[in-house]
Amino acid sequence: MNIIKRKRGGVRNVVSKKELEIGTKIEKKEHGFSMAISRKIALDHIKEFPKYYTDKRYGLIIIEKKLRNKKR
C-alpha cells in the first residue's frame, strides 16, 4: 500500500496515495478547482474518513452510483 505522510500542526497523518489520487480527480471534476485545491479538499475528506471515496458501503463513489440508479 502506497502512503503519504504529512505533518500538519505537528500531527502526522498517513494517507493512501491511491485514495488521494482518486479523490483529487473527483474533486477536480466536481468543482473545477485547480489540482492543488482539489488535492487539499480530498486530503481533508480522507483525514476525516480514510476511505471517503472508495469504501465499499459508504464511499462517495458507491453512494453516487446508487443515487444515479435511483433516478432511472
PDB file of N, CA and C in Angstrom:
ATOM      1  N   MET A   1       0.841  -1.181   0.000  1.00  0.00           N
ATOM      2  CA  MET A   1       0.000   0.000   0.000  1.00  0.00           C
ATOM      3  C   MET A   1       0.882   1.239   0.000  1.00  0.00           C
ATOM      4  N   ASN A   2       0.645   2.110  -0.952  1.00  0.00           N
ATOM      5  CA  ASN A   2       1.376   3.366  -1.002  1.00  0.00           C
ATOM      6  C   ASN A   2       0.781   4.339  -0.007  1.00  0.00           C
ATOM      7  N   ILE A   3       1.629   5.025   0.709  1.00  0.00           N
ATOM      8  CA  ILE A   3       1.147   6.002   1.675  1.00  0.00           C
ATOM      9  C   ILE A   3       1.935   7.295   1.557  1.00  0.00           C
ATOM     10  N   ILE A   4       1.300   8.346   1.956  1.00  0.00           N
ATOM     11  CA  ILE A   4       1.941   9.650   2.020  1.00  0.00           C
ATOM     12  C   ILE A   4       1.883  10.088   3.469  1.00  0.00           C
ATOM     13  N   LYS A   5       2.983  10.536   3.989  1.00  0.00           N
ATOM     14  CA  LYS A   5       2.992  11.008   5.374  1.00  0.00           C
ATOM     15  C   LYS A   5       3.157  12.520   5.352  1.00  0.00           C
ATOM     16  N   ARG A   6       2.272  13.187   5.997  1.00  0.00           N
ATOM     17  CA  ARG A   6       2.308  14.647   6.054  1.00  0.00           C
ATOM     18  C   ARG A   6       2.210  15.094   7.500  1.00  0.00           C
ATOM     19  N   LYS A   7       2.842  16.202   7.790  1.00  0.00           N
ATOM     20  CA  LYS A   7       2.724  16.787   9.123  1.00  0.00           C
ATOM     21  C   LYS A   7       1.934  18.073   9.010  1.00  0.00           C
ATOM     22  N   ARG A   8       0.873  18.155   9.771  1.00  0.00           N
ATOM     23  CA  ARG A   8       0.068  19.377   9.839  1.00  0.00           C
ATOM     24  C   ARG A   8      -0.151  19.691  11.301  1.00  0.00           C
ATOM     25  N   GLY A   9       0.284  20.816  11.719  1.00  0.00           N
ATOM     26  CA  GLY A   9       0.104  21.208  13.112  1.00  0.00           C
ATOM     27  C   GLY A   9       0.766  20.227  14.073  1.00  0.00           C
ATOM     28  N   GLY A  10       1.872  19.621  13.624  1.00  0.00           N
ATOM     29  CA  GLY A  10       2.592  18.686  14.481  1.00  0.00           C
ATOM     30  C   GLY A  10       1.980  17.292  14.528  1.00  0.00           C
ATOM     31  N   VAL A  11       0.891  17.073  13.787  1.00  0.00           N
ATOM     32  CA  VAL A  11       0.227  15.768  13.769  1.00  0.00           C
ATOM     33  C   VAL A  11       0.627  15.041  12.494  1.00  0.00           C
ATOM     34  N   ARG A  12       0.972  13.789  12.646  1.00  0.00           N
ATOM     35  CA  ARG A  12       1.383  13.001  11.489  1.00  0.00           C
ATOM     36  C   ARG A  12       0.182  12.230  10.948  1.00  0.00           C
ATOM     37  N   ASN A  13      -0.072  12.371   9.671  1.00  0.00           N
ATOM     38  CA  ASN A  13      -1.181  11.683   9.025  1.00  0.00           C
ATOM     39  C   ASN A  13      -0.641  10.679   8.021  1.00  0.00           C
ATOM     40  N   VAL A  14      -1.257   9.529   7.954  1.00  0.00           N
ATOM     41  CA  VAL A  14      -0.910   8.525   6.956  1.00  0.00           C
ATOM     42  C   VAL A  14      -2.112   8.389   6.029  1.00  0.00           C
ATOM     43  N   VAL A  15      -1.871   8.626   4.753  1.00  0.00           N
ATOM     44  CA  VAL A  15      -2.953   8.671   3.777  1.00  0.00           C
ATOM     45  C   VAL A  15      -2.606   7.752   2.616  1.00  0.00           C
ATOM     46  N   SER A  16      -3.578   7.008   2.136  1.00  0.00           N
ATOM     47  CA  SER A  16      -3.390   6.154   0.969  1.00  0.00           C
ATOM     48  C   SER A  16      -3.161   7.021  -0.261  1.00  0.00           C
ATOM     49  N   LYS A  17      -2.083   6.779  -0.950  1.00  0.00           N
ATOM     50  CA  LYS A  17      -1.775   7.548  -2.156  1.00  0.00           C
ATOM     51  C   LYS A  17      -2.859   7.326  -3.214  1.00  0.00           C
ATOM     52  N   LYS A  18      -3.317   6.085  -3.354  1.00  0.00           N
ATOM     53  CA  LYS A  18      -4.358   5.774  -4.334  1.00  0.00           C
ATOM     54  C   LYS A  18      -5.656   6.514  -4.007  1.00  0.00           C
ATOM     55  N   GLU A  19      -6.030   6.507  -2.724  1.00  0.00           N
ATOM     56  CA  GLU A  19      -7.246   7.200  -2.291  1.00  0.00           C
ATOM     57  C   GLU A  19      -7.140   8.697  -2.598  1.00  0.00           C
ATOM     58  N   LEU A  20      -5.975   9.267  -2.338  1.00  0.00           N
ATOM     59  CA  LEU A  20      -5.767  10.693  -2.584  1.00  0.00           C
ATOM     60  C   LEU A  20      -5.823  11.011  -4.086  1.00  0.00           C
ATOM     61  N   GLU A  21      -5.263  10.153  -4.923  1.00  0.00           N
ATOM     62  CA  GLU A  21      -5.318  10.371  -6.366  1.00  0.00           C
ATOM     63  C   GLU A  21      -6.761  10.321  -6.874  1.00  0.00           C
ATOM     64  N   ILE A  22      -7.504   9.321  -6.415  1.00  0.00           N
ATOM     65  CA  ILE A  22      -8.908   9.186  -6.811  1.00  0.00           C
ATOM     66  C   ILE A  22      -9.701  10.405  -6.339  1.00  0.00           C
ATOM     67  N   GLY A  23      -9.511  10.773  -5.083  1.00  0.00           N
ATOM     68  CA  GLY A  23     -10.224  11.913  -4.509  1.00  0.00           C
ATOM     69  C   GLY A  23      -9.915  13.218  -5.212  1.00  0.00           C
ATOM     70  N   THR A  24      -8.663  13.415  -5.559  1.00  0.00           N
ATOM     71  CA  THR A  24      -8.261  14.644  -6.249  1.00  0.00           C
ATOM     72  C   THR A  24      -8.963  14.748  -7.605  1.00  0.00           C
ATOM     73  N   LYS A  25      -9.012  13.640  -8.342  1.00  0.00           N
ATOM     74  CA  LYS A  25      -9.686  13.639  -9.643  1.00  0.00           C
ATOM     75  C   LYS A  25     -11.185  13.917  -9.495  1.00  0.00           C
ATOM     76  N   ILE A  26     -11.802  13.304  -8.499  1.00  0.00           N
ATOM     77  CA  ILE A  26     -13.237  13.510  -8.273  1.00  0.00           C
ATOM     78  C   ILE A  26     -13.528  14.960  -7.912  1.00  0.00           C
ATOM     79  N   GLU A  27     -12.751  15.521  -6.986  1.00  0.00           N
ATOM     80  CA  GLU A  27     -12.967  16.911  -6.566  1.00  0.00           C
ATOM     81  C   GLU A  27     -12.714  17.877  -7.720  1.00  0.00           C
ATOM     82  N   LYS A  28     -11.709  17.611  -8.531  1.00  0.00           N
ATOM     83  CA  LYS A  28     -11.412  18.466  -9.691  1.00  0.00           C
ATOM     84  C   LYS A  28     -12.592  18.459 -10.661  1.00  0.00           C
ATOM     85  N   LYS A  29     -13.120  17.261 -10.930  1.00  0.00           N
ATOM     86  CA  LYS A  29     -14.242  17.132 -11.863  1.00  0.00           C
ATOM     87  C   LYS A  29     -15.504  17.783 -11.293  1.00  0.00           C
ATOM     88  N   GLU A  30     -15.745  17.581 -10.015  1.00  0.00           N
ATOM     89  CA  GLU A  30     -16.977  18.068  -9.385  1.00  0.00           C
ATOM     90  C   GLU A  30     -17.001  19.588  -9.229  1.00  0.00           C
ATOM     91  N   HIS A  31     -15.865  20.166  -8.834  1.00  0.00           N
ATOM     92  CA  HIS A  31     -15.845  21.593  -8.504  1.00  0.00           C
ATOM     93  C   HIS A  31     -15.085  22.458  -9.502  1.00  0.00           C
ATOM     94  N   GLY A  32     -14.207  21.869 -10.307  1.00  0.00           N
ATOM     95  CA  GLY A  32     -13.464  22.627 -11.295  1.00  0.00           C
ATOM     96  C   GLY A  32     -12.328  23.465 -10.735  1.00  0.00           C
ATOM     97  N   PHE A  33     -11.919  23.189  -9.510  1.00  0.00           N
ATOM     98  CA  PHE A  33     -10.801  23.916  -8.912  1.00  0.00           C
ATOM     99  C   PHE A  33      -9.481  23.431  -9.504  1.00  0.00           C
ATOM    100  N   SER A  34      -8.408  24.121  -9.164  1.00  0.00           N
ATOM    101  CA  SER A  34      -7.079  23.680  -9.584  1.00  0.00           C
ATOM    102  C   SER A  34      -6.769  22.337  -8.928  1.00  0.00           C
ATOM    103  N   MET A  35      -5.762  21.660  -9.447  1.00  0.00           N
ATOM    104  CA  MET A  35      -5.367  20.367  -8.880  1.00  0.00           C
ATOM    105  C   MET A  35      -4.918  20.530  -7.424  1.00  0.00           C
ATOM    106  N   ALA A  36      -4.234  21.616  -7.120  1.00  0.00           N
ATOM    107  CA  ALA A  36      -3.749  21.831  -5.752  1.00  0.00           C
ATOM    108  C   ALA A  36      -4.916  21.986  -4.773  1.00  0.00           C
ATOM    109  N   ILE A  37      -5.910  22.751  -5.144  1.00  0.00           N
ATOM    110  CA  ILE A  37      -7.076  22.939  -4.267  1.00  0.00           C
ATOM    111  C   ILE A  37      -7.876  21.646  -4.173  1.00  0.00           C
ATOM    112  N   SER A  38      -8.049  20.966  -5.305  1.00  0.00           N
ATOM    113  CA  SER A  38      -8.774  19.694  -5.304  1.00  0.00           C
ATOM    114  C   SER A  38      -8.078  18.674  -4.414  1.00  0.00           C
ATOM    115  N   ARG A  39      -6.758  18.657  -4.453  1.00  0.00           N
ATOM    116  CA  ARG A  39      -5.971  17.741  -3.615  1.00  0.00           C
ATOM    117  C   ARG A  39      -6.164  18.062  -2.134  1.00  0.00           C
ATOM    118  N   LYS A  40      -6.183  19.343  -1.800  1.00  0.00           N
ATOM    119  CA  LYS A  40      -6.378  19.735  -0.406  1.00  0.00           C
ATOM    120  C   LYS A  40      -7.764  19.324   0.090  1.00  0.00           C
ATOM    121  N   ILE A  41      -8.779  19.523  -0.742  1.00  0.00           N
ATOM    122  CA  ILE A  41     -10.143  19.124  -0.375  1.00  0.00           C
ATOM    123  C   ILE A  41     -10.197  17.613  -0.156  1.00  0.00           C
ATOM    124  N   ALA A  42      -9.613  16.861  -1.092  1.00  0.00           N
ATOM    125  CA  ALA A  42      -9.595  15.396  -0.970  1.00  0.00           C
ATOM    126  C   ALA A  42      -8.848  14.981   0.300  1.00  0.00           C
ATOM    127  N   LEU A  43      -7.740  15.602   0.585  1.00  0.00           N
ATOM    128  CA  LEU A  43      -6.958  15.274   1.775  1.00  0.00           C
ATOM    129  C   LEU A  43      -7.758  15.544   3.048  1.00  0.00           C
ATOM    130  N   ASP A  44      -8.477  16.646   3.080  1.00  0.00           N
ATOM    131  CA  ASP A  44      -9.314  16.957   4.244  1.00  0.00           C
ATOM    132  C   ASP A  44     -10.386  15.889   4.447  1.00  0.00           C
ATOM    133  N   HIS A  45     -11.023  15.444   3.358  1.00  0.00           N
ATOM    134  CA  HIS A  45     -12.036  14.391   3.457  1.00  0.00           C
ATOM    135  C   HIS A  45     -11.424  13.087   3.965  1.00  0.00           C
ATOM    136  N   ILE A  46     -10.278  12.731   3.417  1.00  0.00           N
ATOM    137  CA  ILE A  46      -9.631  11.464   3.761  1.00  0.00           C
ATOM    138  C   ILE A  46      -9.129  11.467   5.197  1.00  0.00           C
ATOM    139  N   LYS A  47      -8.709  12.621   5.688  1.00  0.00           N
ATOM    140  CA  LYS A  47      -8.278  12.704   7.089  1.00  0.00           C
ATOM    141  C   LYS A  47      -9.438  12.390   8.026  1.00  0.00           C
ATOM    142  N   GLU A  48     -10.647  12.793   7.656  1.00  0.00           N
ATOM    143  CA  GLU A  48     -11.837  12.528   8.473  1.00  0.00           C
ATOM    144  C   GLU A  48     -12.285  11.073   8.358  1.00  0.00           C
ATOM    145  N   PHE A  49     -12.250  10.544   7.133  1.00  0.00           N
ATOM    146  CA  PHE A  49     -12.709   9.184   6.853  1.00  0.00           C
ATOM    147  C   PHE A  49     -11.744   8.596   5.818  1.00  0.00           C
ATOM    148  N   PRO A  50     -10.805   7.729   6.240  1.00  0.00           N
ATOM    149  CA  PRO A  50      -9.718   7.270   5.367  1.00  0.00           C
ATOM    150  C   PRO A  50     -10.132   6.669   4.022  1.00  0.00           C
ATOM    151  N   LYS A  51     -11.309   6.102   3.914  1.00  0.00           N
ATOM    152  CA  LYS A  51     -11.772   5.553   2.632  1.00  0.00           C
ATOM    153  C   LYS A  51     -12.990   6.336   2.139  1.00  0.00           C
ATOM    154  N   TYR A  52     -12.917   7.636   2.244  1.00  0.00           N
ATOM    155  CA  TYR A  52     -14.022   8.527   1.886  1.00  0.00           C
ATOM    156  C   TYR A  52     -14.544   8.271   0.474  1.00  0.00           C
ATOM    157  N   TYR A  53     -13.666   7.967  -0.441  1.00  0.00           N
ATOM    158  CA  TYR A  53     -14.070   7.798  -1.836  1.00  0.00           C
ATOM    159  C   TYR A  53     -14.320   6.345  -2.218  1.00  0.00           C
ATOM    160  N   THR A  54     -13.588   5.393  -1.647  1.00  0.00           N
ATOM    161  CA  THR A  54     -13.620   4.016  -2.145  1.00  0.00           C
ATOM    162  C   THR A  54     -14.238   2.988  -1.211  1.00  0.00           C
ATOM    163  N   ASP A  55     -14.738   3.374  -0.061  1.00  0.00           N
ATOM    164  CA  ASP A  55     -15.349   2.405   0.844  1.00  0.00           C
ATOM    165  C   ASP A  55     -16.473   1.669   0.109  1.00  0.00           C
ATOM    166  N   LYS A  56     -16.527   0.355   0.255  1.00  0.00           N
ATOM    167  CA  LYS A  56     -17.480  -0.472  -0.498  1.00  0.00           C
ATOM    168  C   LYS A  56     -18.941  -0.227  -0.113  1.00  0.00           C
ATOM    169  N   ARG A  57     -19.195   0.258   1.083  1.00  0.00           N
ATOM    170  CA  ARG A  57     -20.582   0.503   1.520  1.00  0.00           C
ATOM    171  C   ARG A  57     -20.939   1.988   1.594  1.00  0.00           C
ATOM    172  N   TYR A  58     -19.999   2.799   2.032  1.00  0.00           N
ATOM    173  CA  TYR A  58     -20.323   4.201   2.318  1.00  0.00           C
ATOM    174  C   TYR A  58     -19.483   5.217   1.547  1.00  0.00           C
ATOM    175  N   GLY A  59     -18.625   4.768   0.664  1.00  0.00           N
ATOM    176  CA  GLY A  59     -17.764   5.690  -0.075  1.00  0.00           C
ATOM    177  C   GLY A  59     -18.537   6.531  -1.070  1.00  0.00           C
ATOM    178  N   LEU A  60     -17.986   7.654  -1.407  1.00  0.00           N
ATOM    179  CA  LEU A  60     -18.639   8.600  -2.321  1.00  0.00           C
ATOM    180  C   LEU A  60     -18.960   7.969  -3.672  1.00  0.00           C
ATOM    181  N   ILE A  61     -18.069   7.153  -4.184  1.00  0.00           N
ATOM    182  CA  ILE A  61     -18.288   6.532  -5.489  1.00  0.00           C
ATOM    183  C   ILE A  61     -19.533   5.650  -5.455  1.00  0.00           C
ATOM    184  N   ILE A  62     -19.670   4.823  -4.434  1.00  0.00           N
ATOM    185  CA  ILE A  62     -20.824   3.918  -4.312  1.00  0.00           C
ATOM    186  C   ILE A  62     -22.112   4.708  -4.086  1.00  0.00           C
ATOM    187  N   ILE A  63     -22.069   5.692  -3.214  1.00  0.00           N
ATOM    188  CA  ILE A  63     -23.263   6.496  -2.908  1.00  0.00           C
ATOM    189  C   ILE A  63     -23.767   7.195  -4.172  1.00  0.00           C
ATOM    190  N   GLU A  64     -22.860   7.810  -4.926  1.00  0.00           N
ATOM    191  CA  GLU A  64     -23.280   8.498  -6.147  1.00  0.00           C
ATOM    192  C   GLU A  64     -23.821   7.520  -7.186  1.00  0.00           C
ATOM    193  N   LYS A  65     -23.235   6.342  -7.255  1.00  0.00           N
ATOM    194  CA  LYS A  65     -23.731   5.321  -8.177  1.00  0.00           C
ATOM    195  C   LYS A  65     -25.159   4.903  -7.806  1.00  0.00           C
ATOM    196  N   LYS A  66     -25.410   4.711  -6.517  1.00  0.00           N
ATOM    197  CA  LYS A  66     -26.751   4.348  -6.052  1.00  0.00           C
ATOM    198  C   LYS A  66     -27.758   5.454  -6.367  1.00  0.00           C
ATOM    199  N   LEU A  67     -27.346   6.701  -6.187  1.00  0.00           N
ATOM    200  CA  LEU A  67     -28.243   7.820  -6.478  1.00  0.00           C
ATOM    201  C   LEU A  67     -28.562   7.896  -7.973  1.00  0.00           C
ATOM    202  N   ARG A  68     -27.581   7.661  -8.823  1.00  0.00           N
ATOM    203  CA  ARG A  68     -27.833   7.674 -10.267  1.00  0.00           C
ATOM    204  C   ARG A  68     -28.813   6.569 -10.662  1.00  0.00           C
ATOM    205  N   ASN A  69     -28.651   5.394 -10.059  1.00  0.00           N
ATOM    206  CA  ASN A  69     -29.539   4.265 -10.364  1.00  0.00           C
ATOM    207  C   ASN A  69     -30.962   4.534  -9.883  1.00  0.00           C
ATOM    208  N   LYS A  70     -31.079   5.246  -8.786  1.00  0.00           N
ATOM    209  CA  LYS A  70     -32.401   5.583  -8.247  1.00  0.00           C
ATOM    210  C   LYS A  70     -33.171   6.523  -9.170  1.00  0.00           C
ATOM    211  N   LYS A  71     -32.465   7.416  -9.845  1.00  0.00           N
ATOM    212  CA  LYS A  71     -33.095   8.404 -10.716  1.00  0.00           C
ATOM    213  C   LYS A  71     -33.675   7.756 -11.978  1.00  0.00           C
ATOM    214  N   ARG A  72     -33.196   6.589 -12.341  1.00  0.00           N
ATOM    215  CA  ARG A  72     -33.649   5.931 -13.581  1.00  0.00           C
ATOM    216  C   ARG A  72     -35.022   5.397 -13.468  1.00  0.00           C
TER     217      ARG A  72
END
